[in-house]
Amino acid sequence: MVARTHNKQAASLIGDRIVLGVGASVFGPVSVGHDTVIGAASKTASPWR
């Protein structure tokens, strides 16, 4: 899901073929690239590509 407000990304951008482990959280307007695995109980607040 992507939402933009005045050329700023307002929501996280999640790529294709992503695995989010149980309890994983993605905070803020970050982008998570294709073919990424975010482990269980992880907290992500910066971009992953």
PDB file of N, CA and C in Angstrom:
ATOM      1  N   MET A   1       0.846  -1.164   0.000  1.00  0.00           N
ATOM      2  CA  MET A   1       0.000   0.000   0.000  1.00  0.00           C
ATOM      3  C   MET A   1       0.892   1.227   0.000  1.00  0.00           C
ATOM      4  N   VAL A   2       0.535   2.193  -0.822  1.00  0.00           N
ATOM      5  CA  VAL A   2       1.311   3.433  -0.887  1.00  0.00           C
ATOM      6  C   VAL A   2       0.354   4.610  -0.824  1.00  0.00           C
ATOM      7  N   ALA A   3       0.669   5.568  -0.017  1.00  0.00           N
ATOM      8  CA  ALA A   3      -0.091   6.819   0.031  1.00  0.00           C
ATOM      9  C   ALA A   3       0.922   7.954  -0.037  1.00  0.00           C
ATOM     10  N   ARG A   4       0.637   8.939  -0.828  1.00  0.00           N
ATOM     11  CA  ARG A   4       1.564  10.066  -0.946  1.00  0.00           C
ATOM     12  C   ARG A   4       0.845  11.362  -0.603  1.00  0.00           C
ATOM     13  N   THR A   5       1.546  12.232   0.100  1.00  0.00           N
ATOM     14  CA  THR A   5       1.029  13.539   0.457  1.00  0.00           C
ATOM     15  C   THR A   5       2.087  14.565   0.096  1.00  0.00           C
ATOM     16  N   HIS A   6       1.806  15.410  -0.872  1.00  0.00           N
ATOM     17  CA  HIS A   6       2.739  16.453  -1.303  1.00  0.00           C
ATOM     18  C   HIS A   6       4.128  15.892  -1.597  1.00  0.00           C
ATOM     19  N   ASN A   7       4.185  14.862  -2.425  1.00  0.00           N
ATOM     20  CA  ASN A   7       5.429  14.227  -2.868  1.00  0.00           C
ATOM     21  C   ASN A   7       6.196  13.527  -1.755  1.00  0.00           C
ATOM     22  N   LYS A   8       5.588  13.277  -0.614  1.00  0.00           N
ATOM     23  CA  LYS A   8       6.240  12.530   0.469  1.00  0.00           C
ATOM     24  C   LYS A   8       5.482  11.228   0.670  1.00  0.00           C
ATOM     25  N   GLN A   9       6.210  10.185   0.866  1.00  0.00           N
ATOM     26  CA  GLN A   9       5.588   8.890   1.101  1.00  0.00           C
ATOM     27  C   GLN A   9       4.996   8.877   2.505  1.00  0.00           C
ATOM     28  N   ALA A  10       3.701   8.578   2.618  1.00  0.00           N
ATOM     29  CA  ALA A  10       3.014   8.628   3.909  1.00  0.00           C
ATOM     30  C   ALA A  10       2.759   7.240   4.483  1.00  0.00           C
ATOM     31  N   ALA A  11       2.976   6.204   3.699  1.00  0.00           N
ATOM     32  CA  ALA A  11       2.749   4.840   4.174  1.00  0.00           C
ATOM     33  C   ALA A  11       3.893   3.963   3.681  1.00  0.00           C
ATOM     34  N   SER A  12       4.023   2.802   4.270  1.00  0.00           N
ATOM     35  CA  SER A  12       5.073   1.871   3.857  1.00  0.00           C
ATOM     36  C   SER A  12       4.792   1.310   2.474  1.00  0.00           C
ATOM     37  N   LEU A  13       5.841   1.074   1.723  1.00  0.00           N
ATOM     38  CA  LEU A  13       5.760   0.451   0.408  1.00  0.00           C
ATOM     39  C   LEU A  13       6.332  -0.950   0.552  1.00  0.00           C
ATOM     40  N   ILE A  14       5.510  -1.969   0.345  1.00  0.00           N
ATOM     41  CA  ILE A  14       5.906  -3.362   0.517  1.00  0.00           C
ATOM     42  C   ILE A  14       6.005  -4.002  -0.861  1.00  0.00           C
ATOM     43  N   GLY A  15       7.157  -4.603  -1.161  1.00  0.00           N
ATOM     44  CA  GLY A  15       7.396  -5.221  -2.459  1.00  0.00           C
ATOM     45  C   GLY A  15       6.707  -6.567  -2.620  1.00  0.00           C
ATOM     46  N   ASP A  16       7.045  -7.265  -3.679  1.00  0.00           N
ATOM     47  CA  ASP A  16       6.480  -8.581  -3.993  1.00  0.00           C
ATOM     48  C   ASP A  16       7.269  -9.684  -3.286  1.00  0.00           C
ATOM     49  N   ARG A  17       6.585 -10.786  -3.009  1.00  0.00           N
ATOM     50  CA  ARG A  17       7.182 -11.994  -2.416  1.00  0.00           C
ATOM     51  C   ARG A  17       7.877 -11.693  -1.085  1.00  0.00           C
ATOM     52  N   ILE A  18       7.162 -11.017  -0.186  1.00  0.00           N
ATOM     53  CA  ILE A  18       7.667 -10.654   1.134  1.00  0.00           C
ATOM     54  C   ILE A  18       7.174 -11.677   2.152  1.00  0.00           C
ATOM     55  N   VAL A  19       8.042 -12.065   3.066  1.00  0.00           N
ATOM     56  CA  VAL A  19       7.645 -12.924   4.178  1.00  0.00           C
ATOM     57  C   VAL A  19       7.783 -12.097   5.450  1.00  0.00           C
ATOM     58  N   LEU A  20       6.649 -11.883   6.128  1.00  0.00           N
ATOM     59  CA  LEU A  20       6.652 -11.189   7.416  1.00  0.00           C
ATOM     60  C   LEU A  20       6.392 -12.232   8.491  1.00  0.00           C
ATOM     61  N   GLY A  21       7.342 -12.401   9.395  1.00  0.00           N
ATOM     62  CA  GLY A  21       7.188 -13.378  10.475  1.00  0.00           C
ATOM     63  C   GLY A  21       6.101 -12.965  11.458  1.00  0.00           C
ATOM     64  N   VAL A  22       5.680 -13.900  12.272  1.00  0.00           N
ATOM     65  CA  VAL A  22       4.646 -13.655  13.276  1.00  0.00           C
ATOM     66  C   VAL A  22       5.076 -12.523  14.198  1.00  0.00           C
ATOM     67  N   GLY A  23       4.228 -11.538  14.373  1.00  0.00           N
ATOM     68  CA  GLY A  23       4.510 -10.421  15.267  1.00  0.00           C
ATOM     69  C   GLY A  23       5.438  -9.365  14.693  1.00  0.00           C
ATOM     70  N   ALA A  24       5.826  -9.482  13.419  1.00  0.00           N
ATOM     71  CA  ALA A  24       6.708  -8.486  12.801  1.00  0.00           C
ATOM     72  C   ALA A  24       5.943  -7.184  12.595  1.00  0.00           C
ATOM     73  N   SER A  25       6.641  -6.049  12.711  1.00  0.00           N
ATOM     74  CA  SER A  25       6.036  -4.729  12.546  1.00  0.00           C
ATOM     75  C   SER A  25       6.883  -3.895  11.603  1.00  0.00           C
ATOM     76  N   VAL A  26       6.220  -3.145  10.732  1.00  0.00           N
ATOM     77  CA  VAL A  26       6.892  -2.206   9.837  1.00  0.00           C
ATOM     78  C   VAL A  26       6.362  -0.830  10.210  1.00  0.00           C
ATOM     79  N   PHE A  27       7.254   0.047  10.716  1.00  0.00           N
ATOM     80  CA  PHE A  27       6.868   1.369  11.206  1.00  0.00           C
ATOM     81  C   PHE A  27       7.278   2.455  10.232  1.00  0.00           C
ATOM     82  N   GLY A  28       6.425   3.453  10.073  1.00  0.00           N
ATOM     83  CA  GLY A  28       6.755   4.649   9.315  1.00  0.00           C
ATOM     84  C   GLY A  28       6.763   4.450   7.820  1.00  0.00           C
ATOM     85  N   PRO A  29       7.098   5.497   7.107  1.00  0.00           N
ATOM     86  CA  PRO A  29       7.109   5.457   5.650  1.00  0.00           C
ATOM     87  C   PRO A  29       8.409   4.842   5.114  1.00  0.00           C
ATOM     88  N   VAL A  30       8.532   3.542   5.202  1.00  0.00           N
ATOM     89  CA  VAL A  30       9.727   2.844   4.717  1.00  0.00           C
ATOM     90  C   VAL A  30       9.344   1.979   3.529  1.00  0.00           C
ATOM     91  N   SER A  31      10.323   1.591   2.743  1.00  0.00           N
ATOM     92  CA  SER A  31      10.070   0.661   1.641  1.00  0.00           C
ATOM     93  C   SER A  31      10.812  -0.640   1.928  1.00  0.00           C
ATOM     94  N   VAL A  32      10.122  -1.740   1.662  1.00  0.00           N
ATOM     95  CA  VAL A  32      10.689  -3.073   1.830  1.00  0.00           C
ATOM     96  C   VAL A  32      10.727  -3.693   0.438  1.00  0.00           C
ATOM     97  N   GLY A  33      11.934  -4.002  -0.045  1.00  0.00           N
ATOM     98  CA  GLY A  33      12.121  -4.486  -1.411  1.00  0.00           C
ATOM     99  C   GLY A  33      11.576  -5.879  -1.659  1.00  0.00           C
ATOM    100  N   HIS A  34      11.588  -6.265  -2.930  1.00  0.00           N
ATOM    101  CA  HIS A  34      11.129  -7.583  -3.358  1.00  0.00           C
ATOM    102  C   HIS A  34      11.983  -8.693  -2.747  1.00  0.00           C
ATOM    103  N   ASP A  35      11.363  -9.868  -2.546  1.00  0.00           N
ATOM    104  CA  ASP A  35      12.061 -11.079  -2.067  1.00  0.00           C
ATOM    105  C   ASP A  35      12.762 -10.868  -0.723  1.00  0.00           C
ATOM    106  N   THR A  36      12.102 -10.183   0.201  1.00  0.00           N
ATOM    107  CA  THR A  36      12.673  -9.890   1.502  1.00  0.00           C
ATOM    108  C   THR A  36      11.999 -10.728   2.580  1.00  0.00           C
ATOM    109  N   VAL A  37      12.755 -11.140   3.575  1.00  0.00           N
ATOM    110  CA  VAL A  37      12.217 -11.853   4.731  1.00  0.00           C
ATOM    111  C   VAL A  37      12.467 -10.999   5.964  1.00  0.00           C
ATOM    112  N   ILE A  38      11.393 -10.724   6.713  1.00  0.00           N
ATOM    113  CA  ILE A  38      11.508 -10.007   7.980  1.00  0.00           C
ATOM    114  C   ILE A  38      11.090 -11.000   9.050  1.00  0.00           C
ATOM    115  N   GLY A  39      12.007 -11.320   9.934  1.00  0.00           N
ATOM    116  CA  GLY A  39      11.813 -12.383  10.917  1.00  0.00           C
ATOM    117  C   GLY A  39      10.741 -12.094  11.958  1.00  0.00           C
ATOM    118  N   ALA A  40      10.341 -13.141  12.658  1.00  0.00           N
ATOM    119  CA  ALA A  40       9.321 -13.048  13.695  1.00  0.00           C
ATOM    120  C   ALA A  40       9.720 -12.054  14.769  1.00  0.00           C
ATOM    121  N   ALA A  41       8.748 -11.282  15.233  1.00  0.00           N
ATOM    122  CA  ALA A  41       8.903 -10.296  16.305  1.00  0.00           C
ATOM    123  C   ALA A  41       9.888  -9.170  15.957  1.00  0.00           C
ATOM    124  N   SER A  42      10.216  -8.999  14.669  1.00  0.00           N
ATOM    125  CA  SER A  42      11.132  -7.930  14.245  1.00  0.00           C
ATOM    126  C   SER A  42      10.409  -6.599  14.189  1.00  0.00           C
ATOM    127  N   LYS A  43      11.148  -5.535  14.397  1.00  0.00           N
ATOM    128  CA  LYS A  43      10.652  -4.179  14.258  1.00  0.00           C
ATOM    129  C   LYS A  43      11.467  -3.506  13.180  1.00  0.00           C
ATOM    130  N   THR A  44      10.814  -3.033  12.111  1.00  0.00           N
ATOM    131  CA  THR A  44      11.518  -2.425  10.985  1.00  0.00           C
ATOM    132  C   THR A  44      11.121  -0.960  10.869  1.00  0.00           C
ATOM    133  N   ALA A  45      12.099  -0.065  10.936  1.00  0.00           N
ATOM    134  CA  ALA A  45      11.837   1.367  10.828  1.00  0.00           C
ATOM    135  C   ALA A  45      12.743   2.029   9.805  1.00  0.00           C
ATOM    136  N   SER A  46      13.503   1.233   9.036  1.00  0.00           N
ATOM    137  CA  SER A  46      14.365   1.773   7.990  1.00  0.00           C
ATOM    138  C   SER A  46      14.223   0.892   6.746  1.00  0.00           C
ATOM    139  N   PRO A  47      14.576   1.423   5.561  1.00  0.00           N
ATOM    140  CA  PRO A  47      14.372   0.690   4.300  1.00  0.00           C
ATOM    141  C   PRO A  47      15.183  -0.617   4.207  1.00  0.00           C
ATOM    142  N   TRP A  48      14.604  -1.619   3.563  1.00  0.00           N
ATOM    143  CA  TRP A  48      15.262  -2.893   3.250  1.00  0.00           C
ATOM    144  C   TRP A  48      15.098  -3.146   1.773  1.00  0.00           C
ATOM    145  N   ARG A  49      16.193  -3.434   1.078  1.00  0.00           N
ATOM    146  CA  ARG A  49      16.124  -3.684  -0.374  1.00  0.00           C
ATOM    147  C   ARG A  49      16.853  -4.937  -0.733  1.00  0.00           C
TER     148      ARG A  49
END
